[in-house]
Amino acid sequence: MPLRPWQHWYSKAAVLLVLFGGVWLLWRAPFDAAPAEVVVQVPAGLERRSNDSDLAKTIVLEDGSSVVLQPHSVLQYPAHFEPHTRHVYL
């Protein structure tokens, strides 16, 4: 079924509207927005391990579990864990 001339015009206008709308939305989006910084109060009396090397480092905790600490990261955790919880701070 052939399209009428005004239907061709409407379809072309719809395509252009979608294209320009998409470009406009992308243009408005922040490209180099810094990620939000989260600040957490770490309780006193925790063990502190840091990895100042350029390679990942595995740390074995008191309960036998392990943490892979990525380069230039810090891990803080209690010397003794409670029976059913493991709170660590990165």
N, C-alpha and C. Protein backbone atom coordinates (compact mmCIF):
# COMPACT_ATOMS: atom_id res chain seq x y z
N MET A 1 0.84 -1.17 0.00
CA MET A 1 0.00 0.00 0.00
C MET A 1 0.89 1.25 0.00
N PRO A 2 0.83 2.04 -1.02
CA PRO A 2 1.70 3.22 -1.12
C PRO A 2 1.33 4.28 -0.09
N LEU A 3 2.35 5.00 0.34
CA LEU A 3 2.14 6.08 1.30
C LEU A 3 1.73 7.35 0.58
N ARG A 4 0.94 8.12 1.22
CA ARG A 4 0.54 9.42 0.68
C ARG A 4 1.67 10.41 0.92
N PRO A 5 1.73 11.48 0.14
CA PRO A 5 2.84 12.44 0.29
C PRO A 5 2.98 12.99 1.71
N TRP A 6 1.89 13.29 2.39
CA TRP A 6 2.00 13.83 3.73
C TRP A 6 2.51 12.78 4.71
N GLN A 7 2.28 11.48 4.43
CA GLN A 7 2.80 10.42 5.30
C GLN A 7 4.32 10.33 5.18
N HIS A 8 4.85 10.55 3.98
CA HIS A 8 6.31 10.59 3.80
C HIS A 8 6.90 11.72 4.64
N TRP A 9 6.24 12.88 4.59
CA TRP A 9 6.74 14.04 5.32
C TRP A 9 6.71 13.78 6.82
N TYR A 10 5.63 13.18 7.33
CA TYR A 10 5.52 12.89 8.75
C TYR A 10 6.57 11.87 9.20
N SER A 11 6.83 10.86 8.41
CA SER A 11 7.82 9.85 8.79
C SER A 11 9.22 10.47 8.82
N LYS A 12 9.54 11.31 7.85
CA LYS A 12 10.85 11.98 7.84
C LYS A 12 10.97 12.93 9.03
N ALA A 13 9.90 13.65 9.33
CA ALA A 13 9.93 14.57 10.46
C ALA A 13 10.09 13.81 11.78
N ALA A 14 9.45 12.66 11.90
CA ALA A 14 9.57 11.86 13.12
C ALA A 14 11.01 11.36 13.30
N VAL A 15 11.64 10.91 12.22
CA VAL A 15 13.02 10.44 12.30
C VAL A 15 13.94 11.58 12.72
N LEU A 16 13.77 12.75 12.10
CA LEU A 16 14.60 13.90 12.46
C LEU A 16 14.37 14.33 13.91
N LEU A 17 13.14 14.30 14.35
CA LEU A 17 12.83 14.67 15.72
C LEU A 17 13.51 13.73 16.72
N VAL A 18 13.48 12.44 16.44
CA VAL A 18 14.14 11.46 17.32
C VAL A 18 15.65 11.67 17.30
N LEU A 19 16.23 11.89 16.13
CA LEU A 19 17.68 12.12 16.04
C LEU A 19 18.10 13.37 16.80
N PHE A 20 17.43 14.48 16.54
CA PHE A 20 17.80 15.72 17.23
C PHE A 20 17.53 15.63 18.73
N GLY A 21 16.47 14.95 19.12
CA GLY A 21 16.19 14.77 20.54
C GLY A 21 17.27 13.95 21.22
N GLY A 22 17.75 12.89 20.57
CA GLY A 22 18.82 12.08 21.13
C GLY A 22 20.12 12.85 21.25
N VAL A 23 20.46 13.62 20.22
CA VAL A 23 21.68 14.44 20.27
C VAL A 23 21.57 15.48 21.38
N TRP A 24 20.42 16.09 21.51
CA TRP A 24 20.22 17.10 22.55
C TRP A 24 20.38 16.48 23.94
N LEU A 25 19.81 15.29 24.17
CA LEU A 25 19.94 14.63 25.47
C LEU A 25 21.39 14.27 25.77
N LEU A 26 22.11 13.78 24.77
CA LEU A 26 23.52 13.45 24.97
C LEU A 26 24.35 14.70 25.24
N TRP A 27 24.02 15.78 24.57
CA TRP A 27 24.76 17.03 24.73
C TRP A 27 24.60 17.58 26.14
N ARG A 28 23.42 17.39 26.73
CA ARG A 28 23.14 17.91 28.07
C ARG A 28 23.76 17.05 29.16
N ALA A 29 24.07 15.80 28.88
CA ALA A 29 24.61 14.88 29.90
C ALA A 29 26.03 15.30 30.27
N PRO A 30 26.38 15.27 31.54
CA PRO A 30 27.75 15.61 31.94
C PRO A 30 28.71 14.50 31.51
N PHE A 31 29.78 14.89 30.83
CA PHE A 31 30.73 13.90 30.32
C PHE A 31 31.81 13.56 31.33
N ASP A 32 32.28 14.54 32.05
CA ASP A 32 33.39 14.30 32.97
C ASP A 32 33.00 14.55 34.42
N ALA A 33 31.81 14.17 34.76
CA ALA A 33 31.35 14.35 36.14
C ALA A 33 32.13 13.42 37.06
N ALA A 34 32.63 13.96 38.15
CA ALA A 34 33.37 13.16 39.11
C ALA A 34 32.40 12.28 39.90
N PRO A 35 32.81 11.05 40.21
CA PRO A 35 31.92 10.20 41.00
C PRO A 35 31.71 10.77 42.40
N ALA A 36 30.58 10.46 42.97
CA ALA A 36 30.27 10.95 44.31
C ALA A 36 31.23 10.33 45.32
N GLU A 37 31.66 11.11 46.27
CA GLU A 37 32.56 10.62 47.30
C GLU A 37 31.75 10.24 48.53
N VAL A 38 32.01 9.05 49.04
CA VAL A 38 31.30 8.56 50.22
C VAL A 38 32.25 8.62 51.40
N VAL A 39 31.81 9.25 52.47
CA VAL A 39 32.63 9.36 53.67
C VAL A 39 31.98 8.52 54.77
N VAL A 40 32.78 7.60 55.34
CA VAL A 40 32.28 6.70 56.38
C VAL A 40 33.14 6.88 57.62
N GLN A 41 32.51 6.97 58.77
CA GLN A 41 33.24 7.03 60.03
C GLN A 41 33.66 5.61 60.41
N VAL A 42 34.95 5.37 60.45
CA VAL A 42 35.48 4.05 60.79
C VAL A 42 35.72 4.00 62.29
N PRO A 43 35.20 2.98 62.98
CA PRO A 43 35.41 2.87 64.42
C PRO A 43 36.90 2.75 64.77
N ALA A 44 37.25 3.22 65.95
CA ALA A 44 38.64 3.14 66.40
C ALA A 44 38.98 1.70 66.79
N GLY A 45 40.27 1.39 66.84
CA GLY A 45 40.72 0.08 67.29
C GLY A 45 40.66 -1.00 66.22
N LEU A 46 40.77 -0.64 64.97
CA LEU A 46 40.73 -1.63 63.90
C LEU A 46 42.13 -1.93 63.39
N GLU A 47 42.30 -3.14 62.89
CA GLU A 47 43.53 -3.49 62.19
C GLU A 47 43.53 -2.74 60.86
N ARG A 48 44.69 -2.29 60.42
CA ARG A 48 44.77 -1.55 59.16
C ARG A 48 45.84 -2.18 58.28
N ARG A 49 45.44 -2.55 57.07
CA ARG A 49 46.38 -3.09 56.09
C ARG A 49 46.29 -2.23 54.84
N SER A 50 47.42 -1.91 54.28
CA SER A 50 47.42 -1.12 53.04
C SER A 50 48.27 -1.82 52.00
N ASN A 51 47.98 -1.55 50.76
CA ASN A 51 48.73 -2.10 49.64
C ASN A 51 49.28 -0.93 48.84
N ASP A 52 50.53 -0.61 49.08
CA ASP A 52 51.17 0.51 48.39
C ASP A 52 51.91 0.08 47.14
N SER A 53 51.82 -1.21 46.80
CA SER A 53 52.51 -1.71 45.61
C SER A 53 51.64 -1.51 44.37
N ASP A 54 52.14 -1.96 43.24
CA ASP A 54 51.39 -1.88 41.98
C ASP A 54 50.71 -3.19 41.64
N LEU A 55 50.77 -4.18 42.55
CA LEU A 55 50.16 -5.48 42.32
C LEU A 55 49.12 -5.76 43.39
N ALA A 56 48.15 -6.61 43.06
CA ALA A 56 47.13 -7.01 44.04
C ALA A 56 47.78 -7.82 45.15
N LYS A 57 47.23 -7.72 46.35
CA LYS A 57 47.79 -8.39 47.53
C LYS A 57 46.65 -9.12 48.24
N THR A 58 46.86 -10.39 48.60
CA THR A 58 45.85 -11.18 49.30
C THR A 58 46.10 -11.10 50.80
N ILE A 59 45.06 -10.78 51.54
CA ILE A 59 45.14 -10.69 53.00
C ILE A 59 44.20 -11.73 53.58
N VAL A 60 44.72 -12.59 54.47
CA VAL A 60 43.91 -13.62 55.11
C VAL A 60 43.46 -13.09 56.47
N LEU A 61 42.16 -13.10 56.70
CA LEU A 61 41.59 -12.59 57.94
C LEU A 61 41.56 -13.68 59.01
N GLU A 62 41.25 -13.30 60.25
CA GLU A 62 41.27 -14.19 61.41
C GLU A 62 40.39 -15.43 61.21
N ASP A 63 39.25 -15.26 60.55
CA ASP A 63 38.32 -16.38 60.38
C ASP A 63 38.68 -17.28 59.20
N GLY A 64 39.79 -17.01 58.53
CA GLY A 64 40.22 -17.83 57.40
C GLY A 64 39.78 -17.30 56.05
N SER A 65 38.90 -16.32 56.03
CA SER A 65 38.49 -15.73 54.76
C SER A 65 39.61 -14.83 54.25
N SER A 66 39.58 -14.55 52.97
CA SER A 66 40.64 -13.73 52.39
C SER A 66 40.05 -12.57 51.61
N VAL A 67 40.84 -11.52 51.51
CA VAL A 67 40.47 -10.32 50.77
C VAL A 67 41.60 -10.02 49.80
N VAL A 68 41.25 -9.76 48.55
CA VAL A 68 42.25 -9.33 47.57
C VAL A 68 42.24 -7.81 47.57
N LEU A 69 43.31 -7.24 48.04
CA LEU A 69 43.42 -5.78 48.14
C LEU A 69 44.13 -5.26 46.90
N GLN A 70 43.44 -4.44 46.16
CA GLN A 70 43.99 -3.90 44.92
C GLN A 70 45.07 -2.86 45.22
N PRO A 71 45.90 -2.54 44.22
CA PRO A 71 46.99 -1.58 44.44
C PRO A 71 46.50 -0.24 44.97
N HIS A 72 47.28 0.32 45.88
CA HIS A 72 47.03 1.64 46.47
C HIS A 72 45.68 1.70 47.18
N SER A 73 45.33 0.62 47.90
CA SER A 73 44.08 0.54 48.65
C SER A 73 44.38 0.30 50.12
N VAL A 74 43.37 0.56 50.95
CA VAL A 74 43.50 0.36 52.40
C VAL A 74 42.32 -0.47 52.88
N LEU A 75 42.59 -1.43 53.76
CA LEU A 75 41.56 -2.26 54.36
C LEU A 75 41.66 -2.12 55.87
N GLN A 76 40.51 -1.90 56.53
CA GLN A 76 40.47 -1.86 57.99
C GLN A 76 39.42 -2.85 58.45
N TYR A 77 39.74 -3.59 59.51
CA TYR A 77 38.84 -4.63 60.01
C TYR A 77 39.15 -4.88 61.48
N PRO A 78 38.18 -5.42 62.24
CA PRO A 78 38.44 -5.71 63.66
C PRO A 78 39.38 -6.91 63.80
N ALA A 79 40.14 -6.92 64.87
CA ALA A 79 41.05 -8.04 65.11
C ALA A 79 40.27 -9.34 65.30
N HIS A 80 39.09 -9.26 65.92
CA HIS A 80 38.25 -10.43 66.15
C HIS A 80 36.83 -10.12 65.66
N PHE A 81 36.31 -10.99 64.82
CA PHE A 81 34.96 -10.79 64.27
C PHE A 81 33.90 -11.32 65.23
N GLU A 82 32.70 -10.73 65.14
CA GLU A 82 31.56 -11.25 65.88
C GLU A 82 31.12 -12.55 65.20
N PRO A 83 30.36 -13.41 65.90
CA PRO A 83 30.03 -14.73 65.35
C PRO A 83 29.35 -14.72 63.97
N HIS A 84 28.44 -13.79 63.71
CA HIS A 84 27.68 -13.86 62.46
C HIS A 84 27.85 -12.64 61.56
N THR A 85 28.81 -11.78 61.85
CA THR A 85 29.00 -10.60 61.01
C THR A 85 30.47 -10.41 60.68
N ARG A 86 30.70 -9.83 59.52
CA ARG A 86 32.06 -9.48 59.09
C ARG A 86 32.00 -8.06 58.56
N HIS A 87 32.38 -7.08 59.38
CA HIS A 87 32.39 -5.69 58.94
C HIS A 87 33.83 -5.31 58.61
N VAL A 88 34.06 -4.95 57.36
CA VAL A 88 35.37 -4.46 56.93
C VAL A 88 35.16 -3.12 56.23
N TYR A 89 36.20 -2.32 56.19
CA TYR A 89 36.14 -0.99 55.59
C TYR A 89 37.24 -0.87 54.56
N LEU A 90 36.87 -0.45 53.36
CA LEU A 90 37.85 -0.24 52.29
C LEU A 90 38.10 1.23 52.11
